[in-house]
C-alpha cells in the first residue's frame, strides 16, 4: 500500500511539473590546442540533422542539444573556434550523451603513452 502511494505521488509530480519529466539535454564542451584548454575565443556550432541545419544555444561550459537529435538518422557537426573549422560526420544521438573535449595537436607530435597512437 505504501509503495502504491509513493508511485501515485511520483506520477502526480510529473503531471503537475512536466519540466521534471523532460529535461533539456546539455553537452559539456571543452576545446584544447596542444593539450592546453582554450577559453579566449567564442565557440560556434552547427549541427546538420537529416539535411536541416541547427545552431544550438551555447552556454557557459557547453551547449543545449536540439531535440531533433533524438530522431535524427544522419547527424553531422561543424565546430568553429577562431581559425579552427572542424567537421565531424557520422555522429549518432549517443554522442550527445557525454562530455566532449575537442582538441587539435600541432606538429611536432609527441607520443603520449596514455593517449592514442600518433604517426610522425
PDB file of N, CA and C in Angstrom:
ATOM      1  N   UNK A   1       0.819  -1.192   0.000  1.00  0.00           N
ATOM      2  CA  UNK A   1       0.000   0.000   0.000  1.00  0.00           C
ATOM      3  C   UNK A   1       0.866   1.260   0.000  1.00  0.00           C
ATOM      4  N   UNK A   2       1.949   1.215   0.792  1.00  0.00           N
ATOM      5  CA  UNK A   2       2.832   2.370   0.879  1.00  0.00           C
ATOM      6  C   UNK A   2       3.540   2.612  -0.459  1.00  0.00           C
ATOM      7  N   UNK A   3       3.954   1.546  -1.143  1.00  0.00           N
ATOM      8  CA  UNK A   3       4.621   1.669  -2.440  1.00  0.00           C
ATOM      9  C   UNK A   3       3.666   2.285  -3.458  1.00  0.00           C
ATOM     10  N   UNK A   4       2.421   1.864  -3.430  1.00  0.00           N
ATOM     11  CA  UNK A   4       1.425   2.405  -4.349  1.00  0.00           C
ATOM     12  C   UNK A   4       1.262   3.915  -4.118  1.00  0.00           C
ATOM     13  N   UNK A   5       1.279   4.352  -2.866  1.00  0.00           N
ATOM     14  CA  UNK A   5       1.143   5.775  -2.546  1.00  0.00           C
ATOM     15  C   UNK A   5       2.350   6.559  -3.060  1.00  0.00           C
ATOM     16  N   UNK A   6       3.548   5.994  -2.948  1.00  0.00           N
ATOM     17  CA  UNK A   6       4.762   6.658  -3.441  1.00  0.00           C
ATOM     18  C   UNK A   6       4.714   6.776  -4.958  1.00  0.00           C
ATOM     19  N   UNK A   7       4.291   5.719  -5.630  1.00  0.00           N
ATOM     20  CA  UNK A   7       4.191   5.753  -7.093  1.00  0.00           C
ATOM     21  C   UNK A   7       3.165   6.800  -7.524  1.00  0.00           C
ATOM     22  N   UNK A   8       2.020   6.863  -6.846  1.00  0.00           N
ATOM     23  CA  UNK A   8       0.995   7.859  -7.179  1.00  0.00           C
ATOM     24  C   UNK A   8       1.524   9.269  -6.959  1.00  0.00           C
ATOM     25  N   UNK A   9       2.284   9.484  -5.900  1.00  0.00           N
ATOM     26  CA  UNK A   9       2.864  10.794  -5.632  1.00  0.00           C
ATOM     27  C   UNK A   9       3.856  11.175  -6.732  1.00  0.00           C
ATOM     28  N   UNK A  10       4.683  10.233  -7.162  1.00  0.00           N
ATOM     29  CA  UNK A  10       5.653  10.485  -8.230  1.00  0.00           C
ATOM     30  C   UNK A  10       4.949  10.847  -9.536  1.00  0.00           C
ATOM     31  N   UNK A  11       3.921  10.085  -9.908  1.00  0.00           N
ATOM     32  CA  UNK A  11       3.166  10.364 -11.127  1.00  0.00           C
ATOM     33  C   UNK A  11       2.490  11.725 -11.037  1.00  0.00           C
ATOM     34  N   UNK A  12       1.954  12.071  -9.885  1.00  0.00           N
ATOM     35  CA  UNK A  12       1.312  13.377  -9.701  1.00  0.00           C
ATOM     36  C   UNK A  12       2.321  14.506  -9.884  1.00  0.00           C
ATOM     37  N   UNK A  13       3.542  14.327  -9.383  1.00  0.00           N
ATOM     38  CA  UNK A  13       4.592  15.342  -9.566  1.00  0.00           C
ATOM     39  C   UNK A  13       4.917  15.529 -11.041  1.00  0.00           C
ATOM     40  N   UNK A  14       4.969  14.433 -11.797  1.00  0.00           N
ATOM     41  CA  UNK A  14       5.262  14.527 -13.223  1.00  0.00           C
ATOM     42  C   UNK A  14       4.149  15.247 -13.973  1.00  0.00           C
ATOM     43  N   UNK A  15       2.913  15.005 -13.567  1.00  0.00           N
ATOM     44  CA  UNK A  15       1.780  15.656 -14.224  1.00  0.00           C
ATOM     45  C   UNK A  15       1.747  17.139 -13.876  1.00  0.00           C
ATOM     46  N   UNK A  16       1.989  17.471 -12.615  1.00  0.00           N
ATOM     47  CA  UNK A  16       1.927  18.860 -12.188  1.00  0.00           C
ATOM     48  C   UNK A  16       3.130  19.677 -12.658  1.00  0.00           C
ATOM     49  N   UNK A  17       4.281  19.021 -12.808  1.00  0.00           N
ATOM     50  CA  UNK A  17       5.515  19.706 -13.225  1.00  0.00           C
ATOM     51  C   UNK A  17       6.137  18.965 -14.399  1.00  0.00           C
ATOM     52  N   UNK A  18       5.645  19.187 -15.606  1.00  0.00           N
ATOM     53  CA  UNK A  18       6.158  18.464 -16.758  1.00  0.00           C
ATOM     54  C   UNK A  18       7.635  18.707 -17.016  1.00  0.00           C
ATOM     55  N   UNK A  19       8.180  19.829 -16.536  1.00  0.00           N
ATOM     56  CA  UNK A  19       9.605  20.078 -16.748  1.00  0.00           C
ATOM     57  C   UNK A  19      10.463  19.045 -16.035  1.00  0.00           C
ATOM     58  N   UNK A  20       9.930  18.423 -14.989  1.00  0.00           N
ATOM     59  CA  UNK A  20      10.678  17.376 -14.300  1.00  0.00           C
ATOM     60  C   UNK A  20      10.787  16.136 -15.168  1.00  0.00           C
ATOM     61  N   UNK A  21       9.816  15.871 -15.989  1.00  0.00           N
ATOM     62  CA  UNK A  21       9.805  14.663 -16.808  1.00  0.00           C
ATOM     63  C   UNK A  21      10.711  14.795 -18.027  1.00  0.00           C
ATOM     64  N   UNK A  22      10.828  15.986 -18.593  1.00  0.00           N
ATOM     65  CA  UNK A  22      11.635  16.145 -19.795  1.00  0.00           C
ATOM     66  C   UNK A  22      12.678  17.233 -19.578  1.00  0.00           C
ATOM     67  N   UNK A  23      13.893  16.827 -19.288  1.00  0.00           N
ATOM     68  CA  UNK A  23      14.961  17.775 -19.089  1.00  0.00           C
ATOM     69  C   UNK A  23      15.634  18.057 -20.423  1.00  0.00           C
ATOM     70  N   UNK A  24      16.130  19.264 -20.575  1.00  0.00           N
ATOM     71  CA  UNK A  24      16.844  19.645 -21.778  1.00  0.00           C
ATOM     72  C   UNK A  24      18.231  19.022 -21.736  1.00  0.00           C
ATOM     73  N   UNK A  25      18.630  18.370 -22.841  1.00  0.00           N
ATOM     74  CA  UNK A  25      19.944  17.734 -22.907  1.00  0.00           C
ATOM     75  C   UNK A  25      21.023  18.802 -23.025  1.00  0.00           C
ATOM     76  N   UNK A  26      22.117  18.589 -22.318  1.00  0.00           N
ATOM     77  CA  UNK A  26      23.234  19.521 -22.289  1.00  0.00           C
ATOM     78  C   UNK A  26      24.521  18.735 -22.484  1.00  0.00           C
ATOM     79  N   UNK A  27      25.414  19.237 -23.335  1.00  0.00           N
ATOM     80  CA  UNK A  27      26.719  18.612 -23.525  1.00  0.00           C
ATOM     81  C   UNK A  27      27.773  19.564 -22.999  1.00  0.00           C
ATOM     82  N   UNK A  28      28.552  19.078 -22.052  1.00  0.00           N
ATOM     83  CA  UNK A  28      29.677  19.851 -21.536  1.00  0.00           C
ATOM     84  C   UNK A  28      30.782  19.789 -22.585  1.00  0.00           C
ATOM     85  N   UNK A  29      31.389  20.942 -22.909  1.00  0.00           N
ATOM     86  CA  UNK A  29      32.325  21.027 -24.017  1.00  0.00           C
ATOM     87  C   UNK A  29      33.565  21.816 -23.626  1.00  0.00           C
ATOM     88  N   UNK A  30      34.732  21.270 -23.977  1.00  0.00           N
ATOM     89  CA  UNK A  30      35.999  21.976 -23.795  1.00  0.00           C
ATOM     90  C   UNK A  30      36.783  21.868 -25.098  1.00  0.00           C
ATOM     91  N   UNK A  31      37.610  22.883 -25.379  1.00  0.00           N
ATOM     92  CA  UNK A  31      38.439  22.877 -26.575  1.00  0.00           C
ATOM     93  C   UNK A  31      39.887  23.075 -26.155  1.00  0.00           C
ATOM     94  N   UNK A  32      40.773  22.197 -26.701  1.00  0.00           N
ATOM     95  CA  UNK A  32      42.190  22.247 -26.368  1.00  0.00           C
ATOM     96  C   UNK A  32      43.037  22.348 -27.622  1.00  0.00           C
ATOM     97  N   UNK A  33      44.132  23.112 -27.509  1.00  0.00           N
ATOM     98  CA  UNK A  33      45.146  23.156 -28.559  1.00  0.00           C
ATOM     99  C   UNK A  33      46.447  22.729 -27.897  1.00  0.00           C
ATOM    100  N   UNK A  34      47.041  21.657 -28.444  1.00  0.00           N
ATOM    101  CA  UNK A  34      48.274  21.083 -27.893  1.00  0.00           C
ATOM    102  C   UNK A  34      48.145  20.798 -26.396  1.00  0.00           C
ATOM    103  N   UNK A  35      46.979  20.311 -25.977  1.00  0.00           N
ATOM    104  CA  UNK A  35      46.753  19.926 -24.589  1.00  0.00           C
ATOM    105  C   UNK A  35      46.409  21.061 -23.643  1.00  0.00           C
ATOM    106  N   UNK A  36      46.348  22.287 -24.143  1.00  0.00           N
ATOM    107  CA  UNK A  36      46.025  23.438 -23.303  1.00  0.00           C
ATOM    108  C   UNK A  36      44.605  23.902 -23.585  1.00  0.00           C
ATOM    109  N   UNK A  37      43.783  23.971 -22.541  1.00  0.00           N
ATOM    110  CA  UNK A  37      42.398  24.398 -22.727  1.00  0.00           C
ATOM    111  C   UNK A  37      42.348  25.847 -23.184  1.00  0.00           C
ATOM    112  N   UNK A  38      41.488  26.114 -24.165  1.00  0.00           N
ATOM    113  CA  UNK A  38      41.340  27.444 -24.757  1.00  0.00           C
ATOM    114  C   UNK A  38      40.044  28.086 -24.270  1.00  0.00           C
ATOM    115  N   UNK A  39      40.139  29.304 -23.811  1.00  0.00           N
ATOM    116  CA  UNK A  39      38.964  29.984 -23.256  1.00  0.00           C
ATOM    117  C   UNK A  39      38.695  31.339 -23.889  1.00  0.00           C
ATOM    118  N   UNK A  40      39.616  31.861 -24.692  1.00  0.00           N
ATOM    119  CA  UNK A  40      39.514  33.249 -25.123  1.00  0.00           C
ATOM    120  C   UNK A  40      38.748  33.486 -26.419  1.00  0.00           C
ATOM    121  N   UNK A  41      38.273  32.468 -27.078  1.00  0.00           N
ATOM    122  CA  UNK A  41      37.530  32.642 -28.324  1.00  0.00           C
ATOM    123  C   UNK A  41      36.104  32.117 -28.150  1.00  0.00           C
ATOM    124  N   UNK A  42      35.215  32.647 -28.949  1.00  0.00           N
ATOM    125  CA  UNK A  42      33.827  32.196 -28.934  1.00  0.00           C
ATOM    126  C   UNK A  42      33.678  30.927 -29.770  1.00  0.00           C
ATOM    127  N   UNK A  43      33.020  29.940 -29.231  1.00  0.00           N
ATOM    128  CA  UNK A  43      32.757  28.685 -29.941  1.00  0.00           C
ATOM    129  C   UNK A  43      31.472  28.836 -30.745  1.00  0.00           C
ATOM    130  N   UNK A  44      31.501  28.337 -31.972  1.00  0.00           N
ATOM    131  CA  UNK A  44      30.297  28.289 -32.806  1.00  0.00           C
ATOM    132  C   UNK A  44      30.081  26.845 -33.238  1.00  0.00           C
ATOM    133  N   UNK A  45      28.831  26.411 -33.202  1.00  0.00           N
ATOM    134  CA  UNK A  45      28.476  25.049 -33.608  1.00  0.00           C
ATOM    135  C   UNK A  45      27.341  25.099 -34.619  1.00  0.00           C
ATOM    136  N   UNK A  46      27.379  24.155 -35.546  1.00  0.00           N
ATOM    137  CA  UNK A  46      26.264  23.930 -36.461  1.00  0.00           C
ATOM    138  C   UNK A  46      26.046  22.427 -36.509  1.00  0.00           C
ATOM    139  N   UNK A  47      24.840  22.005 -36.235  1.00  0.00           N
ATOM    140  CA  UNK A  47      24.507  20.583 -36.273  1.00  0.00           C
ATOM    141  C   UNK A  47      23.545  20.363 -37.429  1.00  0.00           C
ATOM    142  N   UNK A  48      23.949  19.521 -38.375  1.00  0.00           N
ATOM    143  CA  UNK A  48      23.089  19.186 -39.502  1.00  0.00           C
ATOM    144  C   UNK A  48      22.417  17.856 -39.198  1.00  0.00           C
ATOM    145  N   UNK A  49      21.097  17.877 -39.172  1.00  0.00           N
ATOM    146  CA  UNK A  49      20.314  16.685 -38.853  1.00  0.00           C
ATOM    147  C   UNK A  49      19.406  16.398 -40.037  1.00  0.00           C
ATOM    148  N   UNK A  50      19.671  15.301 -40.723  1.00  0.00           N
ATOM    149  CA  UNK A  50      18.882  14.893 -41.888  1.00  0.00           C
ATOM    150  C   UNK A  50      18.710  16.035 -42.890  1.00  0.00           C
ATOM    151  N   UNK A  51      19.797  16.769 -43.151  1.00  0.00           N
ATOM    152  CA  UNK A  51      19.786  17.824 -44.147  1.00  0.00           C
ATOM    153  C   UNK A  51      19.362  19.200 -43.659  1.00  0.00           C
ATOM    154  N   UNK A  52      18.903  19.315 -42.422  1.00  0.00           N
ATOM    155  CA  UNK A  52      18.480  20.604 -41.874  1.00  0.00           C
ATOM    156  C   UNK A  52      19.501  21.053 -40.822  1.00  0.00           C
ATOM    157  N   UNK A  53      19.930  22.319 -40.897  1.00  0.00           N
ATOM    158  CA  UNK A  53      20.970  22.822 -40.008  1.00  0.00           C
ATOM    159  C   UNK A  53      20.381  23.547 -38.799  1.00  0.00           C
ATOM    160  N   UNK A  54      20.952  23.226 -37.633  1.00  0.00           N
ATOM    161  CA  UNK A  54      20.554  23.848 -36.366  1.00  0.00           C
ATOM    162  C   UNK A  54      21.795  24.457 -35.725  1.00  0.00           C
ATOM    163  N   UNK A  55      21.645  25.612 -35.112  1.00  0.00           N
ATOM    164  CA  UNK A  55      22.720  26.218 -34.345  1.00  0.00           C
ATOM    165  C   UNK A  55      22.309  26.153 -32.881  1.00  0.00           C
ATOM    166  N   UNK A  56      22.903  25.207 -32.137  1.00  0.00           N
ATOM    167  CA  UNK A  56      22.488  25.049 -30.742  1.00  0.00           C
ATOM    168  C   UNK A  56      22.895  26.257 -29.895  1.00  0.00           C
ATOM    169  N   UNK A  57      22.148  26.468 -28.834  1.00  0.00           N
ATOM    170  CA  UNK A  57      22.440  27.562 -27.911  1.00  0.00           C
ATOM    171  C   UNK A  57      23.704  27.215 -27.130  1.00  0.00           C
ATOM    172  N   UNK A  58      24.693  28.105 -27.218  1.00  0.00           N
ATOM    173  CA  UNK A  58      25.939  27.924 -26.489  1.00  0.00           C
ATOM    174  C   UNK A  58      25.757  28.562 -25.114  1.00  0.00           C
ATOM    175  N   UNK A  59      26.070  27.795 -24.090  1.00  0.00           N
ATOM    176  CA  UNK A  59      26.008  28.295 -22.723  1.00  0.00           C
ATOM    177  C   UNK A  59      27.369  28.047 -22.090  1.00  0.00           C
ATOM    178  N   UNK A  60      27.611  28.676 -20.970  1.00  0.00           N
ATOM    179  CA  UNK A  60      28.911  28.536 -20.314  1.00  0.00           C
ATOM    180  C   UNK A  60      29.224  27.063 -20.065  1.00  0.00           C
ATOM    181  N   UNK A  61      30.311  26.615 -20.636  1.00  0.00           N
ATOM    182  CA  UNK A  61      30.763  25.244 -20.418  1.00  0.00           C
ATOM    183  C   UNK A  61      30.185  24.224 -21.369  1.00  0.00           C
ATOM    184  N   UNK A  62      29.346  24.621 -22.337  1.00  0.00           N
ATOM    185  CA  UNK A  62      28.788  23.640 -23.251  1.00  0.00           C
ATOM    186  C   UNK A  62      27.700  24.194 -24.136  1.00  0.00           C
ATOM    187  N   UNK A  63      26.765  23.305 -24.517  1.00  0.00           N
ATOM    188  CA  UNK A  63      25.672  23.734 -25.383  1.00  0.00           C
ATOM    189  C   UNK A  63      24.434  22.895 -25.137  1.00  0.00           C
ATOM    190  N   UNK A  64      23.282  23.461 -25.516  1.00  0.00           N
ATOM    191  CA  UNK A  64      21.993  22.789 -25.398  1.00  0.00           C
ATOM    192  C   UNK A  64      21.781  21.964 -26.668  1.00  0.00           C
ATOM    193  N   UNK A  65      21.489  20.696 -26.513  1.00  0.00           N
ATOM    194  CA  UNK A  65      21.293  19.791 -27.647  1.00  0.00           C
ATOM    195  C   UNK A  65      19.899  19.989 -28.233  1.00  0.00           C
ATOM    196  N   UNK A  66      19.809  20.245 -29.543  1.00  0.00           N
ATOM    197  CA  UNK A  66      18.480  20.370 -30.159  1.00  0.00           C
ATOM    198  C   UNK A  66      17.696  19.058 -30.014  1.00  0.00           C
ATOM    199  N   UNK A  67      16.409  19.157 -29.755  1.00  0.00           N
ATOM    200  CA  UNK A  67      15.557  17.977 -29.574  1.00  0.00           C
ATOM    201  C   UNK A  67      15.560  17.084 -30.810  1.00  0.00           C
ATOM    202  N   UNK A  68      15.778  17.660 -31.986  1.00  0.00           N
ATOM    203  CA  UNK A  68      15.756  16.900 -33.245  1.00  0.00           C
ATOM    204  C   UNK A  68      16.853  15.838 -33.309  1.00  0.00           C
ATOM    205  N   UNK A  69      17.882  15.958 -32.481  1.00  0.00           N
ATOM    206  CA  UNK A  69      18.959  14.967 -32.460  1.00  0.00           C
ATOM    207  C   UNK A  69      18.409  13.581 -32.111  1.00  0.00           C
ATOM    208  N   UNK A  70      17.417  13.521 -31.237  1.00  0.00           N
ATOM    209  CA  UNK A  70      16.893  12.235 -30.767  1.00  0.00           C
ATOM    210  C   UNK A  70      16.334  11.365 -31.891  1.00  0.00           C
ATOM    211  N   UNK A  71      15.780  11.978 -32.929  1.00  0.00           N
ATOM    212  CA  UNK A  71      15.184  11.213 -34.027  1.00  0.00           C
ATOM    213  C   UNK A  71      15.991  11.303 -35.316  1.00  0.00           C
ATOM    214  N   UNK A  72      17.159  11.947 -35.273  1.00  0.00           N
ATOM    215  CA  UNK A  72      17.967  12.131 -36.471  1.00  0.00           C
ATOM    216  C   UNK A  72      18.605  10.848 -36.965  1.00  0.00           C
ATOM    217  N   UNK A  73      18.589  10.673 -38.260  1.00  0.00           N
ATOM    218  CA  UNK A  73      19.220   9.493 -38.882  1.00  0.00           C
ATOM    219  C   UNK A  73      20.652   9.802 -39.319  1.00  0.00           C
ATOM    220  N   UNK A  74      20.845  10.989 -39.911  1.00  0.00           N
ATOM    221  CA  UNK A  74      22.164  11.407 -40.374  1.00  0.00           C
ATOM    222  C   UNK A  74      22.516  12.716 -39.679  1.00  0.00           C
ATOM    223  N   UNK A  75      23.521  12.650 -38.787  1.00  0.00           N
ATOM    224  CA  UNK A  75      23.882  13.808 -37.977  1.00  0.00           C
ATOM    225  C   UNK A  75      25.339  14.178 -38.243  1.00  0.00           C
ATOM    226  N   UNK A  76      25.563  15.458 -38.541  1.00  0.00           N
ATOM    227  CA  UNK A  76      26.912  15.983 -38.757  1.00  0.00           C
ATOM    228  C   UNK A  76      27.085  17.202 -37.857  1.00  0.00           C
ATOM    229  N   UNK A  77      28.321  17.441 -37.426  1.00  0.00           N
ATOM    230  CA  UNK A  77      28.601  18.577 -36.562  1.00  0.00           C
ATOM    231  C   UNK A  77      29.740  19.399 -37.156  1.00  0.00           C
ATOM    232  N   UNK A  78      29.593  20.699 -37.119  1.00  0.00           N
ATOM    233  CA  UNK A  78      30.659  21.609 -37.532  1.00  0.00           C
ATOM    234  C   UNK A  78      31.009  22.456 -36.321  1.00  0.00           C
ATOM    235  N   UNK A  79      32.293  22.450 -35.949  1.00  0.00           N
ATOM    236  CA  UNK A  79      32.798  23.150 -34.776  1.00  0.00           C
ATOM    237  C   UNK A  79      33.750  24.243 -35.251  1.00  0.00           C
ATOM    238  N   UNK A  80      33.508  25.484 -34.845  1.00  0.00           N
ATOM    239  CA  UNK A  80      34.355  26.602 -35.262  1.00  0.00           C
ATOM    240  C   UNK A  80      34.843  27.333 -34.012  1.00  0.00           C
ATOM    241  N   UNK A  81      36.154  27.497 -33.930  1.00  0.00           N
ATOM    242  CA  UNK A  81      36.783  28.235 -32.845  1.00  0.00           C
ATOM    243  C   UNK A  81      37.971  28.965 -33.445  1.00  0.00           C
ATOM    244  N   UNK A  82      37.881  30.293 -33.552  1.00  0.00           N
ATOM    245  CA  UNK A  82      38.975  31.063 -34.140  1.00  0.00           C
ATOM    246  C   UNK A  82      39.296  30.576 -35.546  1.00  0.00           C
ATOM    247  N   UNK A  83      40.557  30.206 -35.785  1.00  0.00           N
ATOM    248  CA  UNK A  83      40.981  29.741 -37.106  1.00  0.00           C
ATOM    249  C   UNK A  83      40.655  28.269 -37.353  1.00  0.00           C
ATOM    250  N   UNK A  84      40.165  27.573 -36.348  1.00  0.00           N
ATOM    251  CA  UNK A  84      39.864  26.139 -36.484  1.00  0.00           C
ATOM    252  C   UNK A  84      38.424  25.938 -36.930  1.00  0.00           C
ATOM    253  N   UNK A  85      38.252  25.143 -37.966  1.00  0.00           N
ATOM    254  CA  UNK A  85      36.935  24.808 -38.510  1.00  0.00           C
ATOM    255  C   UNK A  85      36.929  23.296 -38.706  1.00  0.00           C
ATOM    256  N   UNK A  86      36.339  22.580 -37.759  1.00  0.00           N
ATOM    257  CA  UNK A  86      36.395  21.116 -37.743  1.00  0.00           C
ATOM    258  C   UNK A  86      35.026  20.532 -38.045  1.00  0.00           C
ATOM    259  N   UNK A  87      35.013  19.456 -38.841  1.00  0.00           N
ATOM    260  CA  UNK A  87      33.760  18.765 -39.179  1.00  0.00           C
ATOM    261  C   UNK A  87      33.801  17.340 -38.650  1.00  0.00           C
ATOM    262  N   UNK A  88      32.673  16.910 -38.088  1.00  0.00           N
ATOM    263  CA  UNK A  88      32.522  15.555 -37.572  1.00  0.00           C
ATOM    264  C   UNK A  88      31.300  14.946 -38.245  1.00  0.00           C
ATOM    265  N   UNK A  89      31.504  13.891 -38.982  1.00  0.00           N
ATOM    266  CA  UNK A  89      30.420  13.238 -39.717  1.00  0.00           C
ATOM    267  C   UNK A  89      30.076  11.913 -39.043  1.00  0.00           C
ATOM    268  N   UNK A  90      28.966  11.352 -39.427  1.00  0.00           N
ATOM    269  CA  UNK A  90      28.505  10.055 -38.928  1.00  0.00           C
ATOM    270  C   UNK A  90      28.369  10.032 -37.407  1.00  0.00           C
ATOM    271  N   UNK A  91      27.788  11.082 -36.874  1.00  0.00           N
ATOM    272  CA  UNK A  91      27.525  11.130 -35.443  1.00  0.00           C
ATOM    273  C   UNK A  91      26.178  10.469 -35.162  1.00  0.00           C
ATOM    274  N   UNK A  92      25.998  10.028 -33.946  1.00  0.00           N
ATOM    275  CA  UNK A  92      24.735   9.430 -33.525  1.00  0.00           C
ATOM    276  C   UNK A  92      24.210  10.188 -32.306  1.00  0.00           C
ATOM    277  N   UNK A  93      22.969   9.933 -31.950  1.00  0.00           N
ATOM    278  CA  UNK A  93      22.403  10.617 -30.783  1.00  0.00           C
ATOM    279  C   UNK A  93      23.152  10.244 -29.501  1.00  0.00           C
ATOM    280  N   UNK A  94      23.786   9.071 -29.479  1.00  0.00           N
ATOM    281  CA  UNK A  94      24.549   8.656 -28.302  1.00  0.00           C
ATOM    282  C   UNK A  94      25.765   9.554 -28.067  1.00  0.00           C
ATOM    283  N   UNK A  95      26.306  10.158 -29.128  1.00  0.00           N
ATOM    284  CA  UNK A  95      27.431  11.074 -28.965  1.00  0.00           C
ATOM    285  C   UNK A  95      27.045  12.288 -28.120  1.00  0.00           C
ATOM    286  N   UNK A  96      25.774  12.599 -28.058  1.00  0.00           N
ATOM    287  CA  UNK A  96      25.314  13.777 -27.339  1.00  0.00           C
ATOM    288  C   UNK A  96      24.944  13.461 -25.886  1.00  0.00           C
ATOM    289  N   UNK A  97      25.308  12.271 -25.426  1.00  0.00           N
ATOM    290  CA  UNK A  97      25.045  11.861 -24.046  1.00  0.00           C
ATOM    291  C   UNK A  97      26.313  11.871 -23.207  1.00  0.00           C
ATOM    292  N   UNK A  98      27.317  12.627 -23.621  1.00  0.00           N
ATOM    293  CA  UNK A  98      28.582  12.602 -22.898  1.00  0.00           C
ATOM    294  C   UNK A  98      29.211  13.984 -22.871  1.00  0.00           C
ATOM    295  N   UNK A  99      30.334  14.087 -22.188  1.00  0.00           N
ATOM    296  CA  UNK A  99      31.113  15.315 -22.179  1.00  0.00           C
ATOM    297  C   UNK A  99      32.108  15.252 -23.332  1.00  0.00           C
ATOM    298  N   UNK A 100      32.365  16.405 -23.944  1.00  0.00           N
ATOM    299  CA  UNK A 100      33.277  16.440 -25.088  1.00  0.00           C
ATOM    300  C   UNK A 100      34.524  17.251 -24.756  1.00  0.00           C
ATOM    301  N   UNK A 101      35.667  16.742 -25.237  1.00  0.00           N
ATOM    302  CA  UNK A 101      36.894  17.516 -25.277  1.00  0.00           C
ATOM    303  C   UNK A 101      37.361  17.429 -26.715  1.00  0.00           C
ATOM    304  N   UNK A 102      37.258  18.546 -27.429  1.00  0.00           N
ATOM    305  CA  UNK A 102      37.706  18.610 -28.815  1.00  0.00           C
ATOM    306  C   UNK A 102      39.094  19.225 -28.784  1.00  0.00           C
ATOM    307  N   UNK A 103      40.033  18.567 -29.468  1.00  0.00           N
ATOM    308  CA  UNK A 103      41.398  19.056 -29.408  1.00  0.00           C
ATOM    309  C   UNK A 103      42.106  19.030 -30.745  1.00  0.00           C
ATOM    310  N   UNK A 104      43.118  19.884 -30.841  1.00  0.00           N
ATOM    311  CA  UNK A 104      43.973  19.974 -32.023  1.00  0.00           C
ATOM    312  C   UNK A 104      45.408  19.862 -31.530  1.00  0.00           C
ATOM    313  N   UNK A 105      46.194  19.009 -32.202  1.00  0.00           N
ATOM    314  CA  UNK A 105      47.618  18.901 -31.892  1.00  0.00           C
ATOM    315  C   UNK A 105      48.390  19.373 -33.101  1.00  0.00           C
ATOM    316  N   UNK A 106      49.296  20.285 -32.874  1.00  0.00           N
ATOM    317  CA  UNK A 106      50.132  20.806 -33.938  1.00  0.00           C
ATOM    318  C   UNK A 106      51.487  20.093 -33.945  1.00  0.00           C
ATOM    319  N   UNK A 107      52.118  19.948 -35.131  1.00  0.00           N
ATOM    320  CA  UNK A 107      53.435  19.320 -35.191  1.00  0.00           C
ATOM    321  C   UNK A 107      54.463  20.181 -34.438  1.00  0.00           C
ATOM    322  N   UNK A 108      55.520  19.626 -33.916  1.00  0.00           N
ATOM    323  CA  UNK A 108      55.858  18.199 -33.926  1.00  0.00           C
ATOM    324  C   UNK A 108      55.046  17.458 -32.867  1.00  0.00           C
ATOM    325  N   UNK A 109      54.583  16.261 -33.229  1.00  0.00           N
ATOM    326  CA  UNK A 109      53.783  15.455 -32.319  1.00  0.00           C
ATOM    327  C   UNK A 109      54.691  14.736 -31.336  1.00  0.00           C
ATOM    328  N   UNK A 110      54.188  14.570 -30.127  1.00  0.00           N
ATOM    329  CA  UNK A 110      54.904  13.790 -29.128  1.00  0.00           C
ATOM    330  C   UNK A 110      53.996  12.657 -28.690  1.00  0.00           C
ATOM    331  N   UNK A 111      54.604  11.473 -28.562  1.00  0.00           N
ATOM    332  CA  UNK A 111      53.817  10.315 -28.153  1.00  0.00           C
ATOM    333  C   UNK A 111      53.377  10.462 -26.705  1.00  0.00           C
ATOM    334  N   UNK A 112      52.137  10.137 -26.459  1.00  0.00           N
ATOM    335  CA  UNK A 112      51.565  10.130 -25.124  1.00  0.00           C
ATOM    336  C   UNK A 112      51.265   8.670 -24.804  1.00  0.00           C
ATOM    337  N   UNK A 113      51.941   8.096 -23.805  1.00  0.00           N
ATOM    338  CA  UNK A 113      51.732   6.666 -23.524  1.00  0.00           C
ATOM    339  C   UNK A 113      50.296   6.323 -23.143  1.00  0.00           C
ATOM    340  N   UNK A 114      49.548   7.282 -22.639  1.00  0.00           N
ATOM    341  CA  UNK A 114      48.160   7.031 -22.251  1.00  0.00           C
ATOM    342  C   UNK A 114      47.162   7.429 -23.319  1.00  0.00           C
ATOM    343  N   UNK A 115      47.646   8.028 -24.402  1.00  0.00           N
ATOM    344  CA  UNK A 115      46.755   8.519 -25.446  1.00  0.00           C
ATOM    345  C   UNK A 115      46.772   7.649 -26.685  1.00  0.00           C
ATOM    346  N   UNK A 116      46.074   8.083 -27.738  1.00  0.00           N
ATOM    347  CA  UNK A 116      46.030   7.307 -28.977  1.00  0.00           C
ATOM    348  C   UNK A 116      47.368   7.379 -29.701  1.00  0.00           C
ATOM    349  N   UNK A 117      47.628   6.396 -30.557  1.00  0.00           N
ATOM    350  CA  UNK A 117      48.860   6.393 -31.337  1.00  0.00           C
ATOM    351  C   UNK A 117      48.819   7.507 -32.367  1.00  0.00           C
ATOM    352  N   UNK A 118      49.949   8.177 -32.541  1.00  0.00           N
ATOM    353  CA  UNK A 118      50.047   9.291 -33.471  1.00  0.00           C
ATOM    354  C   UNK A 118      51.221   9.038 -34.398  1.00  0.00           C
ATOM    355  N   UNK A 119      51.001   9.169 -35.707  1.00  0.00           N
ATOM    356  CA  UNK A 119      52.109   8.966 -36.646  1.00  0.00           C
ATOM    357  C   UNK A 119      52.930  10.233 -36.766  1.00  0.00           C
ATOM    358  N   UNK A 120      54.197  10.060 -37.093  1.00  0.00           N
ATOM    359  CA  UNK A 120      55.103  11.207 -37.230  1.00  0.00           C
ATOM    360  C   UNK A 120      54.958  11.851 -38.581  1.00  0.00           C
TER     361      UNK A 120
END
